[in-house]
N, C-alpha and C. Protein backbone atom coordinates (compact mmCIF):
# COMPACT_ATOMS: atom_id res chain seq x y z
N MET A 1 20.19 26.99 12.18
CA MET A 1 21.70 27.27 11.99
C MET A 1 21.75 28.42 11.11
N ARG A 2 22.76 28.94 11.53
CA ARG A 2 23.01 30.28 10.73
C ARG A 2 23.71 29.91 9.79
N ASP A 3 24.16 30.78 8.46
CA ASP A 3 24.43 30.50 7.38
C ASP A 3 25.70 30.43 7.27
N PHE A 4 26.58 29.53 6.73
CA PHE A 4 27.80 29.45 7.02
C PHE A 4 28.79 29.67 5.51
N ASN A 5 29.21 30.86 5.57
CA ASN A 5 29.53 31.21 4.19
C ASN A 5 30.95 32.20 4.61
N ARG A 6 31.63 32.53 3.74
CA ARG A 6 33.19 32.95 3.65
C ARG A 6 33.26 34.22 4.89
N ARG A 7 32.14 35.00 5.13
CA ARG A 7 32.28 36.02 5.72
C ARG A 7 32.17 35.50 7.19
N ASN A 8 31.51 34.60 7.82
CA ASN A 8 31.66 33.76 8.80
C ASN A 8 33.28 33.32 9.29
N LEU A 9 33.84 32.79 8.11
CA LEU A 9 35.01 32.46 8.14
C LEU A 9 36.08 33.20 8.62
N ILE A 10 35.97 34.69 8.35
CA ILE A 10 36.85 35.32 8.66
C ILE A 10 36.89 35.76 10.40
N CYS A 11 37.97 35.67 10.73
CA CYS A 11 38.11 35.71 12.49
C CYS A 11 38.65 37.38 12.96
N PRO A 12 37.72 37.49 13.82
CA PRO A 12 38.61 38.81 14.54
C PRO A 12 39.97 39.12 14.78
N GLY A 13 40.33 40.26 14.42
CA GLY A 13 41.59 40.35 14.87
C GLY A 13 42.35 40.28 16.19
N ASP A 14 41.51 40.16 16.75
CA ASP A 14 42.34 39.75 18.23
C ASP A 14 42.54 38.08 18.45
N LEU A 15 42.27 37.13 17.55
CA LEU A 15 42.17 35.69 17.44
C LEU A 15 43.41 35.74 16.45
N LYS A 16 44.51 34.45 17.30
CA LYS A 16 45.62 33.88 16.22
C LYS A 16 44.87 33.06 14.87
N ASN A 17 45.66 32.80 13.92
CA ASN A 17 45.14 32.23 13.31
C ASN A 17 44.85 30.53 13.69
N GLU A 18 45.83 30.16 14.57
CA GLU A 18 45.73 28.62 14.92
C GLU A 18 43.84 28.45 15.84
N ASP A 19 43.84 29.96 16.51
CA ASP A 19 42.64 29.79 17.04
C ASP A 19 41.26 29.66 16.35
N CYS A 20 41.48 30.37 15.30
CA CYS A 20 40.09 30.77 14.52
C CYS A 20 40.25 29.53 13.71
N LEU A 21 41.32 28.51 13.62
CA LEU A 21 40.99 27.52 12.37
C LEU A 21 40.73 26.49 13.63
N GLU A 22 40.69 26.68 14.83
CA GLU A 22 40.33 25.41 15.83
C GLU A 22 38.60 25.85 16.14
N LYS A 23 38.53 26.91 15.93
CA LYS A 23 36.71 27.32 16.08
C LYS A 23 36.03 26.74 14.93
N ILE A 24 37.06 26.77 13.71
CA ILE A 24 36.38 26.41 12.50
C ILE A 24 36.19 24.76 12.51
N LYS A 25 37.23 24.10 12.76
CA LYS A 25 36.98 22.88 12.75
C LYS A 25 36.04 22.10 13.74
N THR A 26 35.96 23.01 14.99
CA THR A 26 34.87 22.56 16.31
C THR A 26 33.78 22.56 15.58
N PHE A 27 33.26 23.94 14.46
CA PHE A 27 31.94 24.28 14.23
C PHE A 27 31.76 23.05 13.13
N VAL A 28 32.64 22.76 12.26
CA VAL A 28 32.34 21.51 11.39
C VAL A 28 32.23 20.14 11.86
N GLY A 29 33.14 20.23 12.95
CA GLY A 29 32.80 18.66 13.70
C GLY A 29 31.43 18.90 14.41
N LEU A 30 31.15 19.65 15.09
CA LEU A 30 29.53 20.02 15.21
C LEU A 30 28.64 19.47 14.31
N TYR A 31 29.10 20.49 13.04
CA TYR A 31 27.93 20.24 12.19
C TYR A 31 27.88 18.78 11.64
N LEU A 32 28.62 18.08 11.57
CA LEU A 32 28.74 16.64 11.25
C LEU A 32 28.54 15.78 12.29
N LEU A 33 28.53 16.19 13.33
CA LEU A 33 27.74 15.58 14.33
C LEU A 33 26.58 15.41 14.35
N SER A 34 26.02 16.90 13.89
CA SER A 34 24.38 16.65 14.09
C SER A 34 23.86 15.99 12.93
N ILE A 35 24.46 16.02 11.77
CA ILE A 35 24.12 15.40 10.64
C ILE A 35 24.00 14.01 10.94
N ILE A 36 25.23 13.33 11.64
CA ILE A 36 25.08 11.93 11.87
C ILE A 36 23.97 11.64 13.02
N LEU A 37 23.59 12.20 14.23
CA LEU A 37 22.42 12.01 14.92
C LEU A 37 21.46 12.06 14.41
N TYR A 38 21.24 13.14 13.49
CA TYR A 38 19.58 13.12 12.64
C TYR A 38 19.49 11.83 11.94
N ASP A 39 20.59 11.48 11.46
CA ASP A 39 20.29 10.12 10.60
C ASP A 39 20.14 8.97 11.54
N LYS A 40 20.57 9.10 12.63
CA LYS A 40 20.66 7.75 13.68
C LYS A 40 19.18 8.07 14.48
N ILE A 41 18.79 9.05 14.92
CA ILE A 41 17.47 9.09 15.24
C ILE A 41 16.12 9.00 14.06
N ILE A 42 16.32 9.24 12.88
CA ILE A 42 15.73 8.74 11.75
C ILE A 42 15.64 7.34 11.78
N TYR A 43 16.87 6.90 11.94
CA TYR A 43 16.76 5.24 11.77
C TYR A 43 16.36 4.62 12.90
N VAL A 44 16.35 5.13 14.09
CA VAL A 44 15.61 4.65 15.40
C VAL A 44 14.07 4.53 15.20
N LEU A 45 13.63 5.83 14.79
CA LEU A 45 12.13 5.99 14.36
C LEU A 45 12.18 5.13 13.45
N PHE A 46 12.61 5.06 12.28
CA PHE A 46 12.00 4.34 11.43
C PHE A 46 11.79 2.58 11.90
N VAL A 47 13.10 2.08 12.66
CA VAL A 47 13.12 0.82 13.09
C VAL A 47 11.85 0.72 14.00
N THR A 48 11.70 1.75 14.90
CA THR A 48 10.41 1.52 15.95
C THR A 48 9.38 1.48 15.30
N MET A 49 8.80 2.51 14.39
CA MET A 49 7.73 2.32 13.79
C MET A 49 7.84 0.99 12.84
N ASN A 50 8.73 0.28 12.34
CA ASN A 50 8.37 -0.67 11.46
C ASN A 50 8.14 -1.91 12.22
N THR A 51 8.95 -1.82 13.56
CA THR A 51 8.23 -3.34 14.54
C THR A 51 7.05 -2.82 14.93
N ARG A 52 6.41 -1.62 15.05
CA ARG A 52 5.23 -1.46 15.66
C ARG A 52 4.08 -1.52 14.60
N LEU A 53 4.54 -1.56 13.63
CA LEU A 53 3.62 -1.98 12.08
C LEU A 53 3.58 -3.36 12.08
N GLU A 54 5.07 -4.23 12.24
CA GLU A 54 4.64 -5.57 11.80
C GLU A 54 4.18 -6.53 13.05
N SER A 55 4.03 -5.56 14.61
CA SER A 55 3.05 -5.98 15.58
C SER A 55 1.61 -5.97 15.35
N LEU A 56 1.09 -4.69 14.75
CA LEU A 56 -0.14 -4.55 14.24
C LEU A 56 -0.53 -5.83 13.14
N PHE A 57 0.16 -5.70 12.41
CA PHE A 57 0.07 -6.83 11.44
C PHE A 57 -0.61 -8.20 12.08
N GLU A 58 0.56 -8.52 13.14
CA GLU A 58 0.02 -9.46 13.78
C GLU A 58 -1.52 -9.77 14.55
N LYS A 59 -1.41 -8.72 15.31
CA LYS A 59 -2.73 -8.43 16.30
C LYS A 59 -3.86 -8.35 15.50
N TYR A 60 -4.05 -7.82 14.06
CA TYR A 60 -5.14 -7.70 13.72
C TYR A 60 -5.06 -9.03 12.45
N ASN A 61 -3.94 -9.99 12.13
CA ASN A 61 -4.44 -10.96 11.61
C ASN A 61 -4.64 -10.54 9.98
N LEU A 62 -3.82 -9.66 9.44
CA LEU A 62 -3.58 -9.16 8.13
C LEU A 62 -3.55 -10.17 7.27
N SER A 63 -3.75 -10.08 6.07
CA SER A 63 -3.39 -11.00 4.83
C SER A 63 -1.70 -11.00 4.48
N GLU A 64 -1.37 -11.94 3.88
CA GLU A 64 -0.03 -11.29 3.25
C GLU A 64 -0.39 -10.35 2.50
N LYS A 65 -1.43 -10.44 1.14
CA LYS A 65 -1.45 -9.11 0.64
C LYS A 65 -1.64 -8.00 1.22
N ASP A 66 -2.48 -7.76 2.10
CA ASP A 66 -2.80 -6.30 2.89
C ASP A 66 -1.45 -5.83 3.55
N ARG A 67 -0.93 -6.65 3.86
CA ARG A 67 0.73 -6.56 4.48
C ARG A 67 1.37 -6.10 3.58
N TYR A 68 1.47 -6.50 2.38
CA TYR A 68 2.43 -6.16 1.47
C TYR A 68 1.84 -4.62 0.83
N GLU A 69 0.92 -4.41 0.68
CA GLU A 69 0.31 -3.53 0.09
C GLU A 69 0.35 -2.25 1.00
N ILE A 70 0.13 -2.23 2.29
CA ILE A 70 0.35 -1.43 3.49
C ILE A 70 1.85 -1.01 3.67
N ARG A 71 2.71 -2.16 3.51
CA ARG A 71 4.15 -1.63 3.53
C ARG A 71 4.48 -0.54 2.71
N GLN A 72 3.80 -0.93 1.65
CA GLN A 72 4.38 -0.20 0.43
C GLN A 72 3.96 1.35 0.13
N ILE A 73 3.01 1.41 0.77
CA ILE A 73 2.48 2.65 0.59
C ILE A 73 3.15 3.41 2.05
N TYR A 74 2.96 2.64 3.17
CA TYR A 74 3.99 3.03 4.27
C TYR A 74 5.22 3.71 4.28
N GLY A 75 5.83 2.94 3.16
CA GLY A 75 7.22 3.46 3.01
C GLY A 75 7.46 4.81 2.12
N LEU A 76 6.30 4.93 1.79
CA LEU A 76 6.48 6.20 0.56
C LEU A 76 5.46 7.27 1.57
N LEU A 77 5.32 7.20 2.72
CA LEU A 77 4.52 8.32 3.31
C LEU A 77 5.56 9.05 4.36
N PRO A 78 5.32 10.33 4.63
CA PRO A 78 6.10 11.20 5.38
C PRO A 78 6.56 10.86 6.84
N ILE A 79 7.26 10.87 7.74
CA ILE A 79 7.26 10.35 9.16
C ILE A 79 5.73 10.66 9.85
N GLU A 80 5.58 12.21 9.85
CA GLU A 80 3.99 12.49 10.45
C GLU A 80 2.64 11.71 10.02
N LYS A 81 2.87 11.15 8.49
CA LYS A 81 1.41 10.58 8.04
C LYS A 81 1.60 9.05 8.58
N GLN A 82 3.13 8.35 8.68
CA GLN A 82 3.44 7.20 9.20
C GLN A 82 2.95 7.13 10.27
N LYS A 83 2.74 8.02 11.54
CA LYS A 83 2.55 8.01 12.61
C LYS A 83 0.94 8.26 12.90
N ASN A 84 0.72 8.63 12.12
CA ASN A 84 -1.03 8.86 12.10
C ASN A 84 -1.82 7.40 11.62
N LEU A 85 -0.87 6.99 10.68
CA LEU A 85 -1.08 5.44 10.19
C LEU A 85 -1.14 4.42 11.27
N LEU A 86 -0.09 4.91 12.12
CA LEU A 86 0.04 3.40 13.39
C LEU A 86 -1.03 3.89 14.61
N LYS A 87 -1.26 5.17 14.30
CA LYS A 87 -2.22 5.58 15.71
C LYS A 87 -3.95 5.39 15.15
N ASN A 88 -3.74 5.26 13.87
CA ASN A 88 -5.29 5.06 13.76
C ASN A 88 -5.52 3.64 12.86
N PHE A 89 -4.48 2.70 13.26
CA PHE A 89 -4.52 1.46 12.64
C PHE A 89 -5.84 0.90 12.30
N GLU A 90 -6.50 0.81 13.68
CA GLU A 90 -7.95 -0.08 13.83
C GLU A 90 -8.76 0.65 12.86
N VAL A 91 -8.62 1.83 12.52
CA VAL A 91 -9.47 2.54 11.44
C VAL A 91 -9.56 1.89 10.44
N LEU A 92 -8.32 1.65 9.85
CA LEU A 92 -7.70 1.22 8.77
C LEU A 92 -8.08 -0.19 8.40
N VAL A 93 -7.87 -1.08 9.53
CA VAL A 93 -8.09 -2.42 9.31
C VAL A 93 -9.79 -2.77 9.12
N TYR A 94 -10.52 -1.68 9.78
CA TYR A 94 -11.86 -1.54 9.67
C TYR A 94 -12.52 -1.54 8.49
N ARG A 95 -11.64 -0.48 7.79
CA ARG A 95 -12.10 -0.06 6.78
C ARG A 95 -11.66 -1.36 5.77
N LEU A 96 -10.62 -1.85 5.80
CA LEU A 96 -10.43 -3.04 4.82
C LEU A 96 -11.08 -4.11 4.93
N GLN A 97 -11.34 -4.17 5.85
CA GLN A 97 -12.39 -5.58 6.37
C GLN A 97 -13.71 -4.79 5.46
N ARG A 98 -14.28 -3.89 5.84
CA ARG A 98 -15.71 -3.39 5.02
C ARG A 98 -15.40 -3.93 3.29
N ILE A 99 -14.44 -3.10 2.74
CA ILE A 99 -13.70 -3.47 1.67
C ILE A 99 -14.09 -4.57 0.95
N GLU A 100 -13.53 -5.57 2.05
CA GLU A 100 -13.22 -6.91 1.57
C GLU A 100 -14.91 -7.32 1.63
N GLU A 101 -15.59 -7.17 2.28
CA GLU A 101 -16.62 -7.95 2.35
C GLU A 101 -17.72 -7.40 1.43
N GLU A 102 -17.50 -6.12 1.19
CA GLU A 102 -18.17 -5.45 -0.27
C GLU A 102 -17.76 -6.32 -1.71
N ILE A 103 -16.40 -6.27 -1.43
CA ILE A 103 -15.89 -7.34 -2.92
C ILE A 103 -16.37 -8.23 -3.14
N GLY A 104 -16.05 -9.24 -1.78
CA GLY A 104 -17.16 -10.62 -1.73
C GLY A 104 -18.33 -10.69 -2.09
N ALA A 105 -19.46 -9.55 -1.57
CA ALA A 105 -20.93 -9.72 -2.07
C ALA A 105 -21.05 -9.32 -3.47
N GLU A 106 -20.26 -8.62 -3.56
CA GLU A 106 -19.99 -8.00 -5.51
C GLU A 106 -19.66 -9.37 -6.21
N ARG A 107 -18.71 -10.20 -5.96
CA ARG A 107 -18.04 -11.16 -6.00
C ARG A 107 -19.41 -12.22 -6.26
N LYS A 108 -19.89 -12.58 -5.04
CA LYS A 108 -21.18 -13.70 -5.40
C LYS A 108 -21.92 -13.09 -6.34
N ILE A 109 -22.52 -11.97 -6.29
CA ILE A 109 -23.50 -11.42 -7.22
C ILE A 109 -23.17 -11.67 -8.74
N LEU A 110 -21.63 -11.53 -8.88
CA LEU A 110 -21.12 -11.89 -10.38
C LEU A 110 -21.10 -13.20 -10.77
N ILE A 111 -20.79 -14.20 -9.49
CA ILE A 111 -21.17 -15.77 -10.22
C ILE A 111 -22.36 -15.94 -10.30
N TRP A 112 -23.57 -15.33 -9.54
CA TRP A 112 -25.00 -15.70 -9.63
C TRP A 112 -24.99 -15.13 -11.12
N TRP A 113 -24.83 -13.96 -11.38
CA TRP A 113 -25.49 -13.54 -12.77
C TRP A 113 -24.68 -14.53 -13.62
N ALA A 114 -23.07 -14.81 -13.51
CA ALA A 114 -23.06 -15.71 -14.24
C ALA A 114 -23.48 -17.06 -14.74
N LEU A 115 -23.59 -17.39 -13.75
CA LEU A 115 -24.28 -18.81 -13.78
C LEU A 115 -25.70 -19.03 -14.04
N ASP A 116 -26.44 -17.91 -14.10
CA ASP A 116 -27.78 -17.54 -14.60
C ASP A 116 -27.38 -17.23 -16.18
N ASN A 117 -26.58 -16.60 -16.58
CA ASN A 117 -26.21 -16.62 -17.72
C ASN A 117 -26.22 -17.89 -18.69
N VAL A 118 -25.17 -18.47 -17.74
CA VAL A 118 -25.04 -20.12 -18.47
C VAL A 118 -25.97 -20.82 -18.23
N LYS A 119 -26.91 -20.95 -17.71
CA LYS A 119 -28.16 -21.75 -17.53
C LYS A 119 -29.04 -21.13 -18.72
N ASN A 120 -29.31 -20.12 -18.57
CA ASN A 120 -30.14 -19.39 -19.67
C ASN A 120 -29.48 -20.05 -20.90
N ALA A 121 -28.24 -20.02 -21.29
CA ALA A 121 -27.75 -20.51 -22.62
C ALA A 121 -27.83 -21.78 -22.66
N ILE A 122 -27.63 -22.52 -22.00
CA ILE A 122 -27.83 -23.92 -21.93
C ILE A 122 -29.55 -24.33 -22.49
N ASP A 123 -30.27 -23.56 -21.71
CA ASP A 123 -31.74 -23.97 -21.93
C ASP A 123 -32.12 -23.39 -23.22
N GLN A 124 -31.75 -22.36 -23.51
CA GLN A 124 -31.81 -21.98 -25.06
C GLN A 124 -31.20 -22.74 -25.97
N VAL A 125 -29.89 -23.56 -25.97
CA VAL A 125 -29.72 -24.68 -26.54
C VAL A 125 -30.38 -25.64 -26.82
N ARG A 126 -30.95 -25.74 -25.66
CA ARG A 126 -31.59 -27.43 -25.60
C ARG A 126 -33.04 -27.30 -26.33
N LYS A 127 -33.35 -25.93 -26.07
CA LYS A 127 -34.69 -25.34 -26.90
C LYS A 127 -34.76 -25.58 -27.91
N GLU A 128 -33.72 -24.89 -28.67
CA GLU A 128 -33.26 -24.95 -30.23
C GLU A 128 -32.90 -26.31 -30.83
N LYS A 129 -32.37 -27.18 -30.12
CA LYS A 129 -32.28 -28.36 -30.58
C LYS A 129 -33.71 -29.55 -30.45
N THR A 130 -34.41 -28.96 -29.49
CA THR A 130 -35.81 -29.76 -29.32
C THR A 130 -36.29 -29.47 -30.83
N LEU A 131 -36.37 -28.01 -30.67
CA LEU A 131 -37.13 -27.71 -32.06
C LEU A 131 -36.73 -28.18 -33.26
N GLN A 132 -35.25 -28.05 -33.36
CA GLN A 132 -34.38 -28.81 -34.71
C GLN A 132 -35.06 -30.27 -34.88
N ASN A 133 -34.94 -31.09 -33.64
CA ASN A 133 -35.42 -32.03 -33.35
C ASN A 133 -37.00 -32.63 -34.09
N THR A 134 -37.69 -31.67 -33.34
CA THR A 134 -39.29 -31.70 -33.80
C THR A 134 -39.41 -31.65 -35.32
N LYS A 135 -38.63 -30.69 -36.12
CA LYS A 135 -39.12 -30.16 -37.01
C LYS A 135 -38.53 -31.45 -38.16
N LYS A 136 -36.94 -31.91 -37.76
CA LYS A 136 -36.73 -33.02 -38.31
C LYS A 136 -37.74 -34.03 -38.21
N GLY A 137 -38.20 -34.44 -37.21
CA GLY A 137 -39.09 -35.41 -37.18
C GLY A 137 -40.36 -35.27 -37.92
N ILE A 138 -40.97 -34.14 -38.18
CA ILE A 138 -42.17 -33.95 -38.80
C ILE A 138 -41.88 -33.76 -40.39
N ASP A 139 -40.72 -33.52 -40.35
CA ASP A 139 -40.19 -33.76 -41.89
C ASP A 139 -40.29 -35.20 -42.07
N PHE A 140 -39.68 -35.96 -41.65
CA PHE A 140 -39.51 -37.48 -41.70
C PHE A 140 -40.77 -38.07 -41.77
N LEU A 141 -41.57 -37.47 -40.62
CA LEU A 141 -42.78 -38.03 -40.60
C LEU A 141 -43.63 -37.69 -42.44
N ARG A 142 -43.29 -36.68 -42.78
CA ARG A 142 -43.98 -36.00 -43.63
C ARG A 142 -43.67 -36.85 -44.93
N GLN A 143 -42.35 -37.46 -45.31
CA GLN A 143 -41.76 -37.86 -46.36
C GLN A 143 -42.36 -39.34 -45.99
N GLU A 144 -42.88 -39.72 -44.78
CA GLU A 144 -43.13 -41.17 -44.78
C GLU A 144 -44.69 -41.37 -45.03
N ILE A 145 -45.56 -40.68 -45.07
CA ILE A 145 -46.80 -40.65 -45.63
C ILE A 145 -46.63 -40.13 -46.93
């Protein structure tokens, strides 16, 4: 759209003032209408893409946690990237599943490591108690002899 400044408001000499005002009103009206239409188009696009996003959540049976995180990120993305996310949603789900599997494997390793440490600590305490009890027994026997 052309720049709308005061120079554009000056009507040519062959137009009457009323005609000039009508042209300005028409221009302003069309400009406002274009803004409203743009907002409506963006809203329809937003609703359509959000509906598609929700249907993809259902299709791939994502957890509430994943759904929440994707919605948060999705809302911050520009429209073109939102479209790309919807188009490549299957890839995103695949990556999320791989990450969840890796986290699960790491969690198991950490649990086994922690259990092993606890077992070793218990064994160490038992050895120390056994050693202390043995020393007490030896000391008691020495006193008895």
